[in-house]
Structures are given as structure tokens and as C-alpha cells.
Protein backbone atom coordinates (compact mmCIF):
# COMPACT_ATOMS: atom_id res chain seq x y z
CA MET A 1 0.17 -0.17 -0.08
CA ASP A 2 1.58 3.31 -1.14
CA ALA A 3 1.83 6.01 1.71
CA ARG A 4 -1.17 8.20 0.40
CA THR A 5 -3.58 5.32 0.39
CA ARG A 6 -2.27 4.47 3.72
CA ARG A 7 -3.23 8.29 4.97
CA ALA A 8 -6.62 7.74 2.89
CA TRP A 9 -7.34 4.45 5.10
CA HIS A 10 -6.00 5.87 8.61
CA ALA A 11 -8.18 9.18 7.90
CA ALA A 12 -11.49 6.91 7.73
CA LEU A 13 -10.19 4.56 10.57
CA VAL A 14 -9.63 7.92 13.14
CA GLU A 15 -12.96 9.60 11.86
CA THR A 16 -15.29 10.04 14.80
CA ASP A 17 -18.51 10.95 13.08
CA PRO A 18 -20.16 7.43 11.75
CA ASP A 19 -21.96 8.80 8.92
CA VAL A 20 -18.41 10.25 7.86
CA LYS A 21 -16.68 7.25 8.29
CA CYS A 22 -19.13 5.64 6.25
CA ALA A 23 -18.89 8.01 3.51
CA ARG A 24 -14.87 7.94 3.70
CA VAL A 25 -15.17 4.13 3.41
CA ALA A 26 -16.97 4.14 0.64
CA ALA A 27 -15.18 6.67 -1.14
CA LEU A 28 -11.76 4.29 -0.49
CA ARG A 29 -10.10 2.49 -3.11
CA ALA A 30 -7.20 -0.33 -2.78
CA ALA A 31 -4.51 1.66 -4.53
CA ALA A 32 -6.28 4.85 -5.67
CA ALA A 33 -4.60 8.23 -4.22
CA PRO A 34 -7.00 9.82 -1.80
CA ASP A 35 -8.13 13.81 -1.47
CA ALA A 36 -5.20 15.86 -0.77
CA GLY A 37 -6.25 16.84 2.61
CA ALA A 38 -6.38 13.29 3.92
CA GLU A 39 -4.48 13.05 7.28
CA SER A 40 -1.42 11.85 8.28
CA ALA A 41 -0.77 8.46 9.37
CA ASP A 42 0.93 10.96 12.26
CA ASP A 43 -2.54 12.30 13.00
CA PRO A 44 -2.82 12.26 16.97
CA ARG A 45 -6.24 11.13 16.92
CA PRO A 46 -6.57 7.54 18.64
CA VAL A 47 -7.51 4.68 16.84
CA PRO A 48 -10.15 3.55 15.94
CA GLY A 49 -12.14 6.66 16.21
CA ARG A 50 -15.41 6.44 17.16
CA PRO A 51 -18.20 8.82 18.61
CA ALA A 52 -18.64 9.90 22.38
CA GLN A 53 -21.46 7.74 22.64
CA PRO A 54 -22.20 4.80 23.29
CA PRO A 55 -20.55 4.65 26.31
CA LEU A 56 -18.55 1.14 26.77
CA VAL A 57 -19.06 -0.56 29.39
CA ALA A 58 -18.22 -4.27 30.75
CA PRO A 59 -20.22 -7.02 28.83
CA ARG A 60 -22.60 -7.82 31.50
CA ALA A 61 -23.39 -4.15 31.92
CA VAL A 62 -25.25 -4.04 28.24
CA PRO A 63 -28.73 -4.04 28.64
CA ARG A 64 -30.43 -6.70 27.60
CA ARG A 65 -34.42 -7.03 26.99
CA GLY A 66 -36.99 -9.49 25.88
CA LEU A 67 -37.74 -9.21 22.02
CA GLY A 68 -41.73 -9.12 22.84
CA THR A 69 -41.34 -5.21 23.00
CA ARG A 70 -40.27 -2.34 20.83
CA GLU A 71 -37.45 -1.32 23.37
CA GLY A 72 -36.20 -4.80 23.38
CA ARG A 73 -35.81 -4.96 19.59
CA ALA A 74 -34.09 -1.65 19.51
CA ALA A 75 -31.84 -2.95 22.43
CA LEU A 76 -31.29 -6.04 20.07
CA ALA A 77 -30.71 -3.44 16.80
CA HIS A 78 -28.61 -1.22 19.14
CA ALA A 79 -26.23 -4.35 19.99
CA VAL A 80 -26.25 -5.51 16.50
CA ALA A 81 -25.52 -1.52 15.08
CA HIS A 82 -22.38 -1.57 17.39
CA ILE A 83 -20.81 -4.78 16.22
CA GLU A 84 -21.11 -3.61 12.44
CA PHE A 85 -19.46 -0.20 13.55
CA ASN A 86 -16.72 -1.65 15.27
CA ALA A 87 -16.10 -4.19 12.03
CA ILE A 88 -15.48 -1.13 9.82
CA ASN A 89 -12.65 -0.30 12.20
CA LEU A 90 -11.19 -3.88 12.45
CA ALA A 91 -11.64 -4.31 8.29
CA LEU A 92 -9.91 -0.91 8.14
CA ASP A 93 -7.20 -1.30 10.66
CA ALA A 94 -5.94 -4.85 9.19
CA GLY A 95 -5.47 -2.88 6.15
CA TRP A 96 -3.58 -0.01 7.72
CA ARG A 97 -1.88 -1.99 10.15
CA PHE A 98 -0.38 -4.83 8.52
CA ASP A 99 2.40 -3.76 5.82
CA ALA A 100 4.25 -5.77 2.98
CA LEU A 101 1.54 -8.15 2.14
CA PRO A 102 -0.24 -8.81 -1.18
CA ALA A 103 -2.12 -6.54 -3.12
CA ALA A 104 -5.22 -8.65 -2.68
CA PHE A 105 -5.12 -8.25 1.19
CA TYR A 106 -5.78 -4.69 0.90
CA ALA A 107 -8.66 -5.33 -1.87
CA ASP A 108 -10.32 -7.72 0.24
CA TRP A 109 -10.00 -5.93 3.53
CA LEU A 110 -11.25 -2.70 1.98
CA SER A 111 -14.29 -4.60 0.66
CA VAL A 112 -14.96 -6.21 3.83
CA ALA A 113 -15.04 -2.30 5.26
CA GLN A 114 -17.45 -1.37 2.74
CA ASP A 115 -20.09 -4.08 3.37
CA GLU A 116 -19.67 -3.56 7.05
CA ALA A 117 -20.09 0.39 6.64
CA ARG A 118 -22.87 -0.77 4.64
CA HIS A 119 -24.72 -3.03 7.18
CA PHE A 120 -23.97 -0.66 9.94
CA GLN A 121 -26.09 1.99 8.04
CA LEU A 122 -29.28 -0.49 7.35
CA MET A 123 -29.24 -1.28 10.96
CA ARG A 124 -28.83 2.30 12.19
CA THR A 125 -31.76 2.98 9.72
CA ARG A 126 -33.96 0.03 11.25
CA LEU A 127 -32.68 1.18 14.85
CA ARG A 128 -34.59 4.54 13.95
CA GLU A 129 -37.28 2.92 12.81
CA LEU A 130 -37.78 1.46 15.76
CA GLY A 131 -37.48 4.98 18.10
CA SER A 132 -33.72 4.69 19.01
CA ASP A 133 -30.52 5.85 17.07
CA TYR A 134 -27.09 4.34 17.68
CA GLY A 135 -25.26 5.68 20.70
CA ALA A 136 -28.74 5.58 22.85
CA LEU A 137 -27.62 2.38 24.88
CA PRO A 138 -24.16 1.68 26.42
CA ALA A 139 -22.29 -1.09 24.57
CA HIS A 140 -18.94 -3.23 25.11
CA ASN A 141 -15.73 -3.07 23.55
CA GLY A 142 -14.52 -6.28 23.27
CA LEU A 143 -14.35 -6.50 19.38
CA TRP A 144 -11.62 -3.56 19.31
CA GLU A 145 -10.19 -5.05 22.54
CA ALA A 146 -9.18 -8.19 20.14
CA ALA A 147 -7.89 -6.19 17.90
CA GLU A 148 -5.74 -4.59 19.93
CA LYS A 149 -4.21 -7.95 21.36
CA THR A 150 -3.65 -9.08 17.72
CA ALA A 151 -2.40 -6.12 16.58
CA HIS A 152 1.38 -7.29 16.45
CA ASP A 153 0.81 -10.17 13.87
CA PRO A 154 -1.51 -10.35 11.04
CA LEU A 155 -1.52 -14.37 11.30
CA VAL A 156 -2.87 -13.83 14.85
CA ARG A 157 -5.39 -11.32 13.84
CA MET A 158 -6.90 -13.31 10.98
CA ALA A 159 -6.95 -16.81 13.42
CA LEU A 160 -8.95 -14.63 15.96
CA VAL A 161 -10.67 -12.00 14.78
CA PRO A 162 -12.49 -12.98 11.50
CA ARG A 163 -12.37 -17.07 12.72
CA VAL A 164 -13.23 -16.60 16.01
CA LEU A 165 -15.41 -13.82 16.76
CA GLU A 166 -17.04 -12.55 13.50
CA ALA A 167 -17.60 -16.40 12.84
CA ARG A 168 -19.35 -16.55 16.05
CA GLY A 169 -21.74 -14.36 14.19
CA LEU A 170 -22.46 -17.42 11.76
CA ASP A 171 -23.39 -19.49 14.66
CA VAL A 172 -25.77 -16.72 16.86
CA THR A 173 -27.55 -14.91 14.28
CA PRO A 174 -29.91 -17.74 12.63
CA GLY A 175 -31.24 -17.76 16.33
CA MET A 176 -31.70 -14.19 16.38
CA ILE A 177 -33.87 -14.59 13.20
CA GLN A 178 -35.90 -17.14 14.96
CA ARG A 179 -36.80 -15.24 17.59
CA LEU A 180 -37.54 -12.47 15.86
CA ARG A 181 -39.73 -14.16 13.47
CA GLU A 182 -41.76 -15.43 16.89
CA VAL A 183 -42.41 -11.62 17.42
CA GLY A 184 -43.03 -10.86 13.57
CA ASP A 185 -40.36 -8.17 13.05
CA HIS A 186 -39.47 -9.06 9.61
CA ASP A 187 -37.92 -5.69 9.20
CA THR A 188 -35.08 -6.16 11.01
CA ILE A 189 -34.90 -9.99 9.92
CA ALA A 190 -34.39 -8.89 6.63
CA VAL A 191 -31.15 -7.11 7.73
CA LEU A 192 -29.88 -9.61 9.74
CA GLU A 193 -30.29 -12.36 6.61
CA LEU A 194 -28.31 -10.07 4.36
CA ILE A 195 -25.75 -9.33 7.17
CA LEU A 196 -25.50 -12.98 7.80
CA ARG A 197 -25.47 -14.04 3.95
CA GLU A 198 -22.22 -11.26 3.30
CA GLU A 199 -20.30 -11.98 6.47
CA VAL A 200 -19.70 -16.02 5.36
CA ARG A 201 -17.77 -13.95 2.52
CA HIS A 202 -15.69 -11.79 5.20
CA VAL A 203 -15.15 -15.05 7.52
CA ALA A 204 -13.48 -16.66 4.05
CA ILE A 205 -11.31 -14.23 3.57
CA GLY A 206 -9.74 -14.22 6.72
CA THR A 207 -9.70 -18.15 6.53
CA ARG A 208 -7.75 -17.49 3.06
CA TRP A 209 -5.38 -14.88 4.79
CA PHE A 210 -5.02 -17.00 7.55
CA ARG A 211 -3.63 -20.33 5.46
CA HIS A 212 -1.51 -17.77 3.02
CA LEU A 213 0.10 -16.62 6.16
CA CYS A 214 1.13 -20.01 7.59
CA ALA A 215 1.94 -21.20 4.32
CA ALA A 216 4.75 -18.27 4.01
CA ARG A 217 5.80 -19.42 7.06
CA GLY A 218 5.60 -23.26 6.54
CA LEU A 219 2.89 -24.10 9.46
CA GLU A 220 0.07 -26.55 9.08
CA PRO A 221 -2.97 -24.14 9.22
CA ASP A 222 -5.38 -26.82 11.01
CA ALA A 223 -2.67 -27.55 13.96
CA THR A 224 -1.71 -23.72 14.25
CA PHE A 225 -5.07 -22.64 14.45
CA ARG A 226 -5.72 -24.69 16.97
CA ARG A 227 -2.67 -23.60 19.04
CA LEU A 228 -3.54 -20.14 19.14
CA LEU A 229 -6.91 -20.97 20.53
CA ASP A 230 -5.50 -22.23 23.26
CA ALA A 231 -2.49 -20.51 23.68
CA HIS A 232 -5.10 -17.48 23.95
CA GLY A 233 -7.42 -19.28 26.11
CA VAL A 234 -10.47 -19.47 23.74
CA ARG A 235 -13.04 -22.09 24.08
CA LEU A 236 -15.75 -22.35 21.57
CA HIS A 237 -19.03 -23.12 22.60
CA PRO A 238 -22.20 -24.26 20.65
CA PRO A 239 -24.41 -23.70 18.47
CA PHE A 240 -22.60 -23.92 15.60
CA ASN A 241 -23.54 -23.10 12.45
CA LEU A 242 -21.47 -25.95 10.00
CA ASP A 243 -22.77 -25.48 6.71
CA ALA A 244 -22.06 -21.66 7.26
CA ARG A 245 -19.03 -22.20 8.77
CA ARG A 246 -18.08 -24.92 5.74
CA ALA A 247 -18.83 -22.08 3.54
CA ALA A 248 -16.47 -19.94 4.77
CA GLY A 249 -13.40 -22.26 4.78
CA PHE A 250 -13.65 -23.75 8.15
CA ALA A 251 -12.13 -27.13 7.78
CA ASP A 252 -13.85 -30.60 8.70
CA ALA A 253 -10.78 -31.43 11.21
CA GLU A 254 -11.54 -27.71 12.49
CA LEU A 255 -15.27 -28.93 12.92
CA CYS A 256 -14.53 -32.02 14.94
CA GLY A 257 -16.75 -32.24 17.77
CA HIS A 258 -19.37 -29.17 16.95
CA GLU A 259 -22.95 -29.62 17.46
CA PRO A 260 -25.28 -30.02 14.52
CA ALA A 261 -25.64 -26.59 12.55
CA VAL A 262 -28.31 -24.11 13.54
CA PRO A 263 -30.86 -24.48 10.77
CA PRO A 264 -30.50 -21.29 8.35
CA ALA A 265 -33.75 -18.66 8.71
CA HIS A 266 -35.82 -18.34 5.43
CA ALA A 267 -37.96 -15.43 5.04
């Protein structure tokens, strides 16, 4: 990635206004020169840029409400919007932070950032339809904390963020869709089904670059993945959406012992 493109990625990453961040991401090109006024990578603003709201709290302090009420469905939509906002930053950070990788790596993570920005905007629109907005409720910082813990090595990042945290979304989203179907919230379901379909590709991108980096270092990928899970104290728990995980590139050896997949939801 050339210096000017890197500055443009950084400008999007440190942007705090969600609407401006999404616009910056939409305007990015993998190898195009940014606007002349793009911020320097020496910009003192913190990584990542995020708005003053929502307040970040411990995961157990995030409000959980039943989906039988409008407020409960808004709380779920807010949690998903926050995940998608963090996912924008994670994708941008992957491209900005890690140097000297093939051009396809940056093109892949740019495409993910642009998808995640679109997902955030769709879920924020739904949140507003439910009488709320992004920032109205507390949220937790678990996704970005994982980014900080893996900032030293792209192989570890690919293993533990796309292939663990984002893959978890493949597992749990069908259950959320089913619960929303029971209360008749088809508008939120439509957004979640789109996100689920596209997140398979995002996890597959993580798998592809994890295996690329393993090959470059002479490492066996399945054993390396298990070793990294153990080293970082990661334990995977059911439910597992095996069909989605296979579509995202998980090998059968990595899925041994997992329970049957959650049935995919249909509109």
C-alpha cells in the first residue's frame, strides 16, 4: 500500500462521526490516491475513531431485554449496529496496520470495510425506525480489545478475529432471526439475513489470509489454529452453524466435536 493510500485508510479509521466514516470508507479505493487533504498517519487522534456515545461498559452491563417489546428489539438492533461499527474499524485496521502483504489482501479488507459500513447504515436505519439511534444505549468494547491483542501479527489477527469472533456471528444470527420471527419483526430479520449471507464471505477472507500466512511461514494451518486458540484461552461453545462455517472455509478437522448446525432461517 502506498503512503497516500495508507493516509486515506487512516483518515477513515480515525474518523469519529459514523456518517462521515461510512462516506470515507465508500470513497476508498485499494490503490487510488486520496484527496489532497487526507490526514497523515501521524495524526494524533486515537485508533479507532468512534463517537462519544455509546458509552463503553463491561459486557455484563450491556442492557438485555426481551424481544416482545419495541424497546427490546431496539436494544438488539443497537447491539448489532455496534458490532457492525466495530467491524468497519477492524477491516480498516487490518489494511492500515499490516504492511508488505499482497495487494489482494488490501482489496479484500477494503471490500469488507465497505460491506460493514453498509451493514451499519442499514441497521442504524432500522434502529431509528424502532424509535432509537446508535449511541442511545451502552455497548461493550470486546471486538476492539481483540484487535489490540492481535495488533502485533496479521496471522494471529486473521485466526482470532475473523475466524473466532466474526465466525461466532454465523453461529448465533440464525437464532436471533428465529426469535424475531416469533414476534413478527420481519424488517429487522431482512437486515440480519443480508448480514448473515455477506458475513460468510468475510470469514472466508479471514480464512484465506490465515492460510496464506501459515503457508508463508511453513506452518500447518489446522494445528496452528488449535494452538492459537489454546494459547489465547479461547473456547468455542455451541451452537455452531456448520454449513456457514464450511462455506467460510473451515476444514472438517476444525469442526470436529461441534454440534449440528443451527438451521438457516428463511423469510
